[in-house]
Protein backbone atom coordinates (compact mmCIF):
# COMPACT_ATOMS: atom_id res chain seq x y z
CA UNK A 1 83.57 39.97 -22.55
CA UNK A 2 83.68 43.29 -20.73
CA UNK A 3 83.70 46.73 -22.34
CA UNK A 4 83.59 48.54 -19.01
CA UNK A 5 84.97 52.05 -19.04
CA UNK A 6 85.37 52.20 -22.80
CA UNK A 7 83.92 54.86 -25.05
CA UNK A 8 81.75 53.76 -27.96
CA UNK A 9 80.17 55.53 -30.92
CA UNK A 10 77.24 53.77 -32.60
CA UNK A 11 75.96 55.24 -35.87
CA UNK A 12 72.37 54.54 -36.77
CA UNK A 13 72.02 54.05 -33.02
CA UNK A 14 68.44 55.22 -32.50
CA UNK A 15 66.59 52.12 -33.66
CA UNK A 16 66.84 48.46 -34.62
CA UNK A 17 70.26 46.84 -34.52
CA UNK A 18 71.98 50.13 -33.64
CA UNK A 19 69.77 50.79 -30.64
CA UNK A 20 70.14 47.21 -29.40
CA UNK A 21 73.91 47.54 -29.76
CA UNK A 22 74.07 50.85 -27.91
CA UNK A 23 72.01 49.32 -25.10
CA UNK A 24 74.17 46.20 -24.88
CA UNK A 25 77.42 48.17 -24.80
CA UNK A 26 76.02 50.52 -22.16
CA UNK A 27 74.89 47.59 -20.00
CA UNK A 28 78.43 46.25 -20.34
CA UNK A 29 79.78 49.42 -18.77
CA UNK A 30 80.72 51.40 -21.87
CA UNK A 31 80.06 55.11 -22.23
CA UNK A 32 77.99 55.38 -25.39
CA UNK A 33 77.52 58.10 -27.99
CA UNK A 34 74.31 57.45 -29.91
CA UNK A 35 74.52 58.90 -33.41
CA UNK A 36 71.46 59.40 -35.62
CA UNK A 37 70.48 61.74 -38.44
CA UNK A 38 68.26 63.88 -36.21
CA UNK A 39 68.91 65.15 -32.70
CA UNK A 40 65.42 64.07 -31.61
CA UNK A 41 66.05 60.43 -32.55
CA UNK A 42 69.54 60.35 -31.06
CA UNK A 43 68.42 62.06 -27.85
CA UNK A 44 65.47 59.70 -27.34
CA UNK A 45 67.76 56.66 -27.52
CA UNK A 46 70.44 58.27 -25.32
CA UNK A 47 67.86 59.35 -22.76
CA UNK A 48 66.53 55.81 -22.52
CA UNK A 49 70.03 54.68 -21.58
CA UNK A 50 70.45 57.48 -19.05
CA UNK A 51 67.12 56.50 -17.50
CA UNK A 52 68.72 53.11 -16.82
CA UNK A 53 71.65 54.81 -15.10
CA UNK A 54 74.02 54.49 -18.07
CA UNK A 55 76.34 57.18 -19.40
CA UNK A 56 75.20 58.23 -22.87
CA UNK A 57 75.16 61.26 -25.14
CA UNK A 58 73.26 62.07 -28.33
CA UNK A 59 75.05 63.14 -31.51
CA UNK A 60 73.10 64.21 -34.63
CA UNK A 61 74.98 63.57 -37.88
CA UNK A 62 74.52 62.52 -41.48
CA UNK A 63 77.63 60.36 -41.87
CA UNK A 64 77.48 60.72 -45.66
CA UNK A 65 78.85 64.22 -45.04
CA UNK A 66 82.54 63.92 -44.06
CA UNK A 67 82.40 67.07 -41.95
CA UNK A 68 79.46 65.76 -39.94
CA UNK A 69 81.10 62.34 -39.50
CA UNK A 70 84.29 63.96 -38.22
CA UNK A 71 82.26 66.20 -35.93
CA UNK A 72 80.50 63.14 -34.49
CA UNK A 73 83.82 61.47 -33.66
CA UNK A 74 85.11 64.73 -32.20
CA UNK A 75 82.01 65.14 -30.02
CA UNK A 76 82.52 61.65 -28.65
CA UNK A 77 86.20 62.16 -27.86
CA UNK A 78 85.58 65.64 -26.42
CA UNK A 79 83.00 64.21 -24.03
CA UNK A 80 84.60 60.90 -23.09
CA UNK A 81 88.26 61.74 -23.67
CA UNK A 82 88.77 58.92 -26.16
CA UNK A 83 87.05 56.58 -28.60
CA UNK A 84 87.58 52.84 -28.17
CA UNK A 85 84.71 51.26 -30.11
CA UNK A 86 83.20 52.39 -33.41
CA UNK A 87 80.11 50.61 -34.72
CA UNK A 88 79.22 51.62 -38.28
CA UNK A 89 75.56 50.70 -38.46
CA UNK A 90 74.00 53.67 -40.29
CA UNK A 91 72.23 52.49 -43.41
CA UNK A 92 69.36 53.21 -45.77
CA UNK A 93 67.56 51.43 -48.60
CA UNK A 94 66.16 52.86 -51.83
CA UNK A 95 65.13 49.76 -53.74
CA UNK A 96 64.50 49.69 -57.48
CA UNK A 97 65.39 47.45 -60.42
CA UNK A 98 68.60 48.55 -62.14
CA UNK A 99 66.77 49.43 -65.36
CA UNK A 100 64.71 51.99 -63.43
CA UNK A 101 67.21 53.06 -60.76
CA UNK A 102 68.00 56.76 -60.74
CA UNK A 103 71.53 58.06 -60.25
CA UNK A 104 70.52 59.82 -57.05
CA UNK A 105 69.18 56.54 -55.59
CA UNK A 106 72.45 54.78 -56.35
CA UNK A 107 74.56 57.66 -55.03
CA UNK A 108 72.62 58.23 -51.81
CA UNK A 109 72.64 54.58 -50.72
CA UNK A 110 76.37 54.23 -51.35
CA UNK A 111 77.04 57.59 -49.70
CA UNK A 112 75.38 56.56 -46.43
CA UNK A 113 76.06 52.83 -46.26
CA UNK A 114 79.62 52.71 -47.59
CA UNK A 115 81.14 56.16 -47.78
CA UNK A 116 79.65 57.05 -44.40
CA UNK A 117 81.50 54.15 -42.80
CA UNK A 118 84.72 55.29 -44.51
CA UNK A 119 84.26 58.81 -43.15
CA UNK A 120 83.76 57.55 -39.60
CA UNK A 121 86.65 55.07 -39.78
CA UNK A 122 89.06 57.69 -41.08
CA UNK A 123 88.10 60.11 -38.31
CA UNK A 124 88.17 57.46 -35.57
CA UNK A 125 91.52 56.00 -36.55
CA UNK A 126 93.42 59.19 -35.75
CA UNK A 127 92.81 58.70 -32.04
CA UNK A 128 92.88 54.91 -32.09
CA UNK A 129 96.32 54.85 -33.75
CA UNK A 130 97.68 57.27 -31.13
CA UNK A 131 96.31 55.21 -28.24
CA UNK A 132 97.32 51.97 -29.98
CA UNK A 133 94.00 50.27 -29.40
CA UNK A 134 90.53 50.18 -30.84
CA UNK A 135 87.64 48.11 -32.12
CA UNK A 136 85.80 48.87 -35.36
CA UNK A 137 82.74 46.82 -36.29
CA UNK A 138 80.95 47.40 -39.59
CA UNK A 139 77.39 46.16 -40.09
CA UNK A 140 77.04 44.68 -43.56
CA UNK A 141 74.34 42.22 -44.72
CA UNK A 142 73.67 38.70 -45.93
CA UNK A 143 72.83 40.21 -49.33
CA UNK A 144 76.46 41.26 -49.73
CA UNK A 145 77.26 37.58 -50.21
CA UNK A 146 74.16 36.40 -52.07
CA UNK A 147 72.87 39.44 -53.96
CA UNK A 148 69.25 40.53 -54.08
CA UNK A 149 67.09 41.63 -57.01
CA UNK A 150 65.96 45.23 -56.79
CA UNK A 151 68.76 46.18 -54.39
CA UNK A 152 71.82 46.65 -56.61
CA UNK A 153 72.75 49.86 -54.80
CA UNK A 154 72.30 48.38 -51.31
CA UNK A 155 74.07 45.11 -52.20
CA UNK A 156 76.98 46.99 -53.75
CA UNK A 157 77.36 49.20 -50.69
CA UNK A 158 77.24 46.27 -48.27
CA UNK A 159 79.68 44.21 -50.37
CA UNK A 160 81.99 47.21 -50.52
CA UNK A 161 81.81 47.45 -46.76
CA UNK A 162 83.27 43.94 -46.50
CA UNK A 163 86.16 44.97 -48.75
CA UNK A 164 86.69 48.12 -46.69
CA UNK A 165 86.73 46.03 -43.51
CA UNK A 166 89.41 43.68 -44.82
CA UNK A 167 91.62 46.44 -46.22
CA UNK A 168 91.56 48.60 -43.09
CA UNK A 169 92.11 45.55 -40.87
CA UNK A 170 95.43 44.93 -42.64
CA UNK A 171 96.45 48.57 -42.33
CA UNK A 172 95.98 48.87 -38.56
CA UNK A 173 96.47 45.39 -37.11
CA UNK A 174 99.97 46.27 -35.87
CA UNK A 175 98.45 49.08 -33.78
CA UNK A 176 96.24 46.69 -31.78
CA UNK A 177 93.15 47.85 -33.67
CA UNK A 178 90.76 45.20 -34.94
CA UNK A 179 88.34 45.78 -37.81
CA UNK A 180 85.56 43.26 -38.39
CA UNK A 181 82.12 43.05 -39.95
CA UNK A 182 78.85 41.51 -38.86
CA UNK A 183 76.48 40.37 -41.62
CA UNK A 184 72.90 40.07 -40.35
CA UNK A 185 70.37 38.01 -42.23
CA UNK A 186 66.73 39.04 -42.02
CA UNK A 187 66.23 40.74 -38.67
CA UNK A 188 63.01 42.11 -37.17
CA UNK A 189 63.58 45.82 -37.81
CA UNK A 190 61.71 48.69 -39.44
CA UNK A 191 63.86 48.23 -42.55
CA UNK A 192 62.82 44.61 -43.11
CA UNK A 193 59.21 45.39 -42.14
CA UNK A 194 59.12 47.70 -45.15
CA UNK A 195 59.62 44.76 -47.51
CA UNK A 196 55.96 43.75 -47.33
CA UNK A 197 54.26 40.56 -46.13
CA UNK A 198 54.67 38.47 -49.28
CA UNK A 199 58.37 39.27 -49.64
CA UNK A 200 58.91 38.48 -45.97
CA UNK A 201 57.17 35.13 -46.32
CA UNK A 202 59.41 34.27 -49.26
CA UNK A 203 62.56 34.99 -47.28
CA UNK A 204 61.28 33.22 -44.20
CA UNK A 205 60.96 30.03 -46.24
CA UNK A 206 64.72 30.23 -46.98
CA UNK A 207 65.80 30.42 -43.32
CA UNK A 208 66.53 27.00 -41.76
CA UNK A 209 66.00 28.43 -38.26
CA UNK A 210 62.39 29.13 -39.29
CA UNK A 211 62.26 32.70 -38.00
CA UNK A 212 63.71 36.16 -38.45
CA UNK A 213 66.46 37.19 -36.07
CA UNK A 214 66.14 39.75 -33.30
CA UNK A 215 68.24 42.94 -33.12
CA UNK A 216 69.64 41.76 -29.79
CA UNK A 217 71.11 38.67 -31.44
CA UNK A 218 73.14 40.84 -33.80
CA UNK A 219 74.10 43.16 -30.94
CA UNK A 220 75.54 40.24 -28.95
CA UNK A 221 77.84 39.44 -31.86
CA UNK A 222 78.91 43.06 -32.15
CA UNK A 223 79.50 43.17 -28.40
CA UNK A 224 81.74 40.11 -28.62
CA UNK A 225 83.84 41.71 -31.37
CA UNK A 226 84.11 44.89 -29.29
CA UNK A 227 85.46 43.01 -26.28
CA UNK A 228 88.88 41.70 -25.26
CA UNK A 229 87.66 38.18 -26.03
CA UNK A 230 87.94 39.01 -29.74
CA UNK A 231 91.39 40.57 -29.57
CA UNK A 232 92.89 38.12 -32.07
CA UNK A 233 90.04 38.37 -34.59
CA UNK A 234 90.39 40.94 -37.36
CA UNK A 235 89.41 41.27 -41.01
CA UNK A 236 86.57 38.78 -40.56
CA UNK A 237 82.86 38.69 -41.37
CA UNK A 238 80.58 36.99 -38.84
CA UNK A 239 77.23 35.95 -40.29
CA UNK A 240 74.14 36.08 -38.09
CA UNK A 241 71.46 34.66 -40.37
CA UNK A 242 69.81 31.54 -38.96
CA UNK A 243 71.58 29.33 -41.47
CA UNK A 244 70.34 31.20 -44.54
CA UNK A 245 71.98 30.08 -47.76
CA UNK A 246 74.54 32.52 -49.18
């Protein structure tokens, strides 16, 4: 399942699942562009990879802004000469019951989690279509399939990401470009830590595996989809959730 010599861009790559994915791809021999909203966060993650002898650069970008998303893809291709793997992992939560949800909370979550992925895909496909190869992996969520109270904006964005995955997969399959999604369950990240102890206990009781997942376990799945071993898999959603009911 090698990715040696390939160029990868990982959004939301400075922490959690994104950082684990950037590390795994780099250890597999890929040249990695770590994208995060601030240069400090992106540079810290990229420097950690360089300290291990890996080739990595830092790219600051808010992917909700199409110009910044396009600039991130351009920075990757300018540095590495191409882009082979795009991992759309950037995401935020702004939880609130629908009755109390403000327009700006709805708009911001969809702008980052869904529209941001669209911006990056559109920019990345220009080069991938020309080179007739590429791997795009979108990070969605178990809640896209099961829903979650208080997260209508986040659930809608993640469900939309599945639809985007399937549509784009059909558009570019003939160009040897695969587009898939990975749907993590509850993973030990800063985002899930913010749910609070009681909420976490409630979700833990619903997981047959009896534990939360680790970022590395999601990264392994992303790494598989990025490799030649997954060349005949496209338009699919792989769930990494410990058997959680959907």
